[in-house]
Amino acid sequence: MVAVETVRRSAMPRGVKAVYTLRPCSCGNENVYIFPKPGGKYQVKCDLCGSINKAFSTRQLAAAHWNGEASGDTETMAVAVVPKIQPVNTAVRQDIAKVCDSLETFLAQKNARYGNSALQPVQVFSRVDRGEQLLVRIDDKISRIVNNHEDLRKNDVVDLMGYLALLCIDKGWTEFADLVD
């Protein structure tokens, strides 16, 4: 087992250094790391073969699951490993992680600013359920993008990504391993 510092420390307070001991991957690679997912979940991933475990609410649970240690919740100990068929370009993988990390921070800041209004709407004027309200927000954002005859704006794309992430949460779609071919 090797002690691995979590890769994405940007969301952690300054000066905090979290280190978890992770066993090597079943492929033999020792370069495994914990990474955050949108929605405040964490997974362990092998940098060589791309194997991942289920997403957990804390880095500690993700590490314990990877290492096969009991966490008191037997359901969370079921390993969901998804091997990658082709290795992904490391620079692209880092950019994907950077975008996902930034989106997580963006959504957390919006949630702090506006409350959980997307997933727990106050329904003062509109009485439709939250899923339908999210779909309306997505339609409105797409309409703005389509009708804007200038350049595509970063704000519109990030808002759309955020609404789609919240829609996934609303639908309970927080794991995507089953979609990997």
Protein backbone atom coordinates (compact mmCIF):
# COMPACT_ATOMS: atom_id res chain seq x y z
CA MET A 1 0.00 0.00 0.00
CA VAL A 2 1.15 3.50 -0.73
CA ALA A 3 0.26 6.76 0.98
CA VAL A 4 -1.38 8.96 -1.60
CA GLU A 5 -2.16 12.61 -1.24
CA THR A 6 -5.54 13.48 -2.69
CA VAL A 7 -5.02 15.12 -6.06
CA ARG A 8 -7.62 17.90 -5.97
CA ARG A 9 -6.82 19.99 -2.91
CA SER A 10 -8.34 23.19 -4.35
CA ALA A 11 -11.57 22.68 -2.38
CA MET A 12 -9.70 22.09 0.89
CA PRO A 13 -8.75 24.89 3.30
CA ARG A 14 -5.21 26.20 2.94
CA GLY A 15 -2.63 24.29 4.91
CA VAL A 16 -4.75 21.14 5.14
CA LYS A 17 -3.05 18.11 3.67
CA ALA A 18 -5.21 14.98 3.55
CA VAL A 19 -3.31 11.74 3.07
CA TYR A 20 -4.97 8.35 2.71
CA THR A 21 -3.24 5.02 2.28
CA LEU A 22 -4.48 3.30 -0.88
CA ARG A 23 -3.69 -0.21 -2.03
CA PRO A 24 -2.40 -0.63 -5.59
CA CYS A 25 -4.96 -1.31 -8.30
CA SER A 26 -5.70 -4.90 -9.34
CA CYS A 27 -3.71 -4.15 -12.52
CA GLY A 28 -0.63 -3.68 -10.29
CA ASN A 29 -0.40 0.08 -10.73
CA GLU A 30 0.34 2.06 -7.56
CA ASN A 31 -0.64 5.40 -9.13
CA VAL A 32 -4.20 5.58 -7.75
CA TYR A 33 -5.82 8.72 -6.42
CA ILE A 34 -8.96 10.10 -4.82
CA PHE A 35 -10.85 12.63 -6.89
CA PRO A 36 -13.99 14.67 -6.15
CA LYS A 37 -17.11 14.33 -8.25
CA PRO A 38 -19.88 16.88 -8.67
CA GLY A 39 -22.34 16.70 -5.83
CA GLY A 40 -19.76 16.28 -3.10
CA LYS A 41 -18.91 12.64 -3.78
CA TYR A 42 -15.44 11.08 -4.01
CA GLN A 43 -14.00 8.13 -5.92
CA VAL A 44 -10.65 6.35 -6.17
CA LYS A 45 -9.28 5.88 -9.65
CA CYS A 46 -6.34 4.04 -11.20
CA ASP A 47 -4.31 6.27 -13.50
CA LEU A 48 -3.20 3.34 -15.66
CA CYS A 49 -6.26 1.17 -16.37
CA GLY A 50 -8.96 3.68 -15.36
CA SER A 51 -10.64 1.42 -12.78
CA ILE A 52 -12.87 3.34 -10.38
CA ASN A 53 -14.88 2.54 -7.29
CA LYS A 54 -18.34 3.76 -6.33
CA ALA A 55 -18.75 7.38 -5.30
CA PHE A 56 -18.84 8.07 -1.56
CA SER A 57 -19.70 11.09 0.55
CA THR A 58 -16.18 11.37 2.03
CA ARG A 59 -12.62 10.76 0.88
CA GLN A 60 -12.17 8.45 3.87
CA LEU A 61 -15.07 6.20 2.77
CA ALA A 62 -13.79 6.14 -0.81
CA ALA A 63 -10.33 5.09 0.41
CA ALA A 64 -11.77 2.46 2.78
CA HIS A 65 -13.88 1.03 -0.02
CA TRP A 66 -10.92 0.88 -2.42
CA ASN A 67 -8.85 -0.88 0.21
CA GLY A 68 -11.65 -3.36 0.97
CA GLU A 69 -11.95 -2.25 4.59
CA ALA A 70 -15.27 -2.50 6.41
CA SER A 71 -17.03 0.82 6.85
CA GLY A 72 -20.00 -0.41 8.85
CA ASP A 73 -22.24 -0.18 5.79
CA THR A 74 -22.00 -3.44 3.84
CA GLU A 75 -23.93 -2.03 0.90
CA THR A 76 -21.21 0.56 0.26
CA MET A 77 -18.56 -2.15 0.16
CA ALA A 78 -19.75 -3.66 -3.15
CA VAL A 79 -16.96 -2.86 -5.64
CA ALA A 80 -18.01 -1.33 -8.93
CA VAL A 81 -14.84 -1.41 -11.03
CA VAL A 82 -14.98 -0.16 -14.59
CA PRO A 83 -11.82 -0.89 -16.60
CA LYS A 84 -10.98 1.48 -19.43
CA ILE A 85 -10.36 -0.21 -22.75
CA GLN A 86 -8.08 2.50 -24.09
CA PRO A 87 -5.89 4.75 -21.94
CA VAL A 88 -7.02 8.37 -21.85
CA ASN A 89 -4.57 11.15 -22.59
CA THR A 90 -3.32 12.35 -19.19
CA ALA A 91 -3.59 16.04 -20.14
CA VAL A 92 -7.18 15.55 -21.30
CA ARG A 93 -8.01 13.63 -18.13
CA GLN A 94 -6.58 16.49 -16.04
CA ASP A 95 -8.62 19.03 -18.03
CA ILE A 96 -11.77 16.95 -17.53
CA ALA A 97 -11.08 16.81 -13.78
CA LYS A 98 -10.43 20.58 -13.73
CA VAL A 99 -13.75 21.31 -15.47
CA CYS A 100 -15.65 18.95 -13.14
CA ASP A 101 -13.96 20.43 -10.06
CA SER A 102 -14.74 23.97 -11.24
CA LEU A 103 -18.36 23.03 -11.91
CA GLU A 104 -18.63 21.54 -8.41
CA THR A 105 -17.27 24.76 -6.89
CA PHE A 106 -19.57 26.87 -9.09
CA LEU A 107 -22.67 24.88 -8.06
CA ALA A 108 -21.71 24.93 -4.38
CA GLN A 109 -21.28 28.72 -4.48
CA LYS A 110 -24.59 29.19 -6.31
CA ASN A 111 -26.27 26.88 -3.79
CA ALA A 112 -24.82 28.89 -0.91
CA ARG A 113 -25.93 32.17 -2.53
CA TYR A 114 -29.46 31.15 -3.56
CA GLY A 115 -30.19 28.27 -1.20
CA ASN A 116 -31.17 24.94 -2.65
CA SER A 117 -33.74 26.65 -4.88
CA ALA A 118 -33.31 24.30 -7.84
CA LEU A 119 -33.90 21.10 -5.87
CA GLN A 120 -36.13 22.60 -3.16
CA PRO A 121 -38.10 25.36 -4.91
CA VAL A 122 -40.27 27.63 -2.74
CA GLN A 123 -43.14 27.33 -5.27
CA VAL A 124 -44.67 30.72 -4.52
CA PHE A 125 -45.93 31.25 -8.08
CA SER A 126 -45.20 27.99 -9.88
CA ARG A 127 -46.60 24.77 -8.45
CA VAL A 128 -44.95 22.36 -10.90
CA ASP A 129 -42.51 19.84 -9.45
CA ARG A 130 -38.78 20.57 -9.26
CA GLY A 131 -37.92 18.27 -12.16
CA GLU A 132 -40.24 20.19 -14.46
CA GLN A 133 -38.85 23.49 -13.18
CA LEU A 134 -35.33 22.30 -14.00
CA LEU A 135 -36.44 21.33 -17.51
CA VAL A 136 -37.90 24.82 -17.99
CA ARG A 137 -34.63 26.42 -16.85
CA ILE A 138 -32.70 24.18 -19.27
CA ASP A 139 -35.07 25.09 -22.12
CA ASP A 140 -34.71 28.81 -21.30
CA LYS A 141 -30.90 28.57 -21.26
CA ILE A 142 -30.82 26.68 -24.57
CA SER A 143 -33.19 29.27 -26.06
CA ARG A 144 -30.81 32.07 -25.00
CA ILE A 145 -27.88 30.21 -26.55
CA VAL A 146 -29.74 29.58 -29.82
CA ASN A 147 -31.07 33.15 -30.06
CA ASN A 148 -27.75 34.79 -29.21
CA HIS A 149 -26.29 35.49 -32.63
CA GLU A 150 -22.94 36.45 -31.17
CA ASP A 151 -20.27 34.14 -29.83
CA LEU A 152 -21.14 31.33 -27.47
CA ARG A 153 -20.79 32.64 -23.92
CA LYS A 154 -18.96 30.78 -21.16
CA ASN A 155 -21.63 31.77 -18.62
CA ASP A 156 -24.42 30.17 -20.68
CA VAL A 157 -22.50 26.92 -21.14
CA VAL A 158 -21.61 26.67 -17.43
CA ASP A 159 -25.20 27.47 -16.40
CA LEU A 160 -26.45 24.74 -18.75
CA MET A 161 -23.91 22.24 -17.39
CA GLY A 162 -25.02 23.13 -13.87
CA TYR A 163 -28.71 22.67 -14.66
CA LEU A 164 -27.97 19.32 -16.30
CA ALA A 165 -25.98 18.20 -13.24
CA LEU A 166 -28.89 19.24 -10.98
CA LEU A 167 -31.30 17.35 -13.24
CA CYS A 168 -29.15 14.24 -12.83
CA ILE A 169 -29.31 14.70 -9.05
CA ASP A 170 -33.08 15.16 -9.20
CA LYS A 171 -33.43 11.94 -11.22
CA GLY A 172 -31.04 10.06 -8.91
CA TRP A 173 -28.50 9.65 -11.70
CA THR A 174 -25.31 10.07 -9.66
CA GLU A 175 -23.42 7.03 -10.98
CA PHE A 176 -22.53 6.58 -14.66
CA ALA A 177 -20.41 3.43 -14.67
CA ASP A 178 -23.29 1.52 -16.27
CA LEU A 179 -23.09 3.81 -19.30
CA VAL A 180 -19.45 3.04 -20.13
CA ASP A 181 -19.20 0.80 -23.18
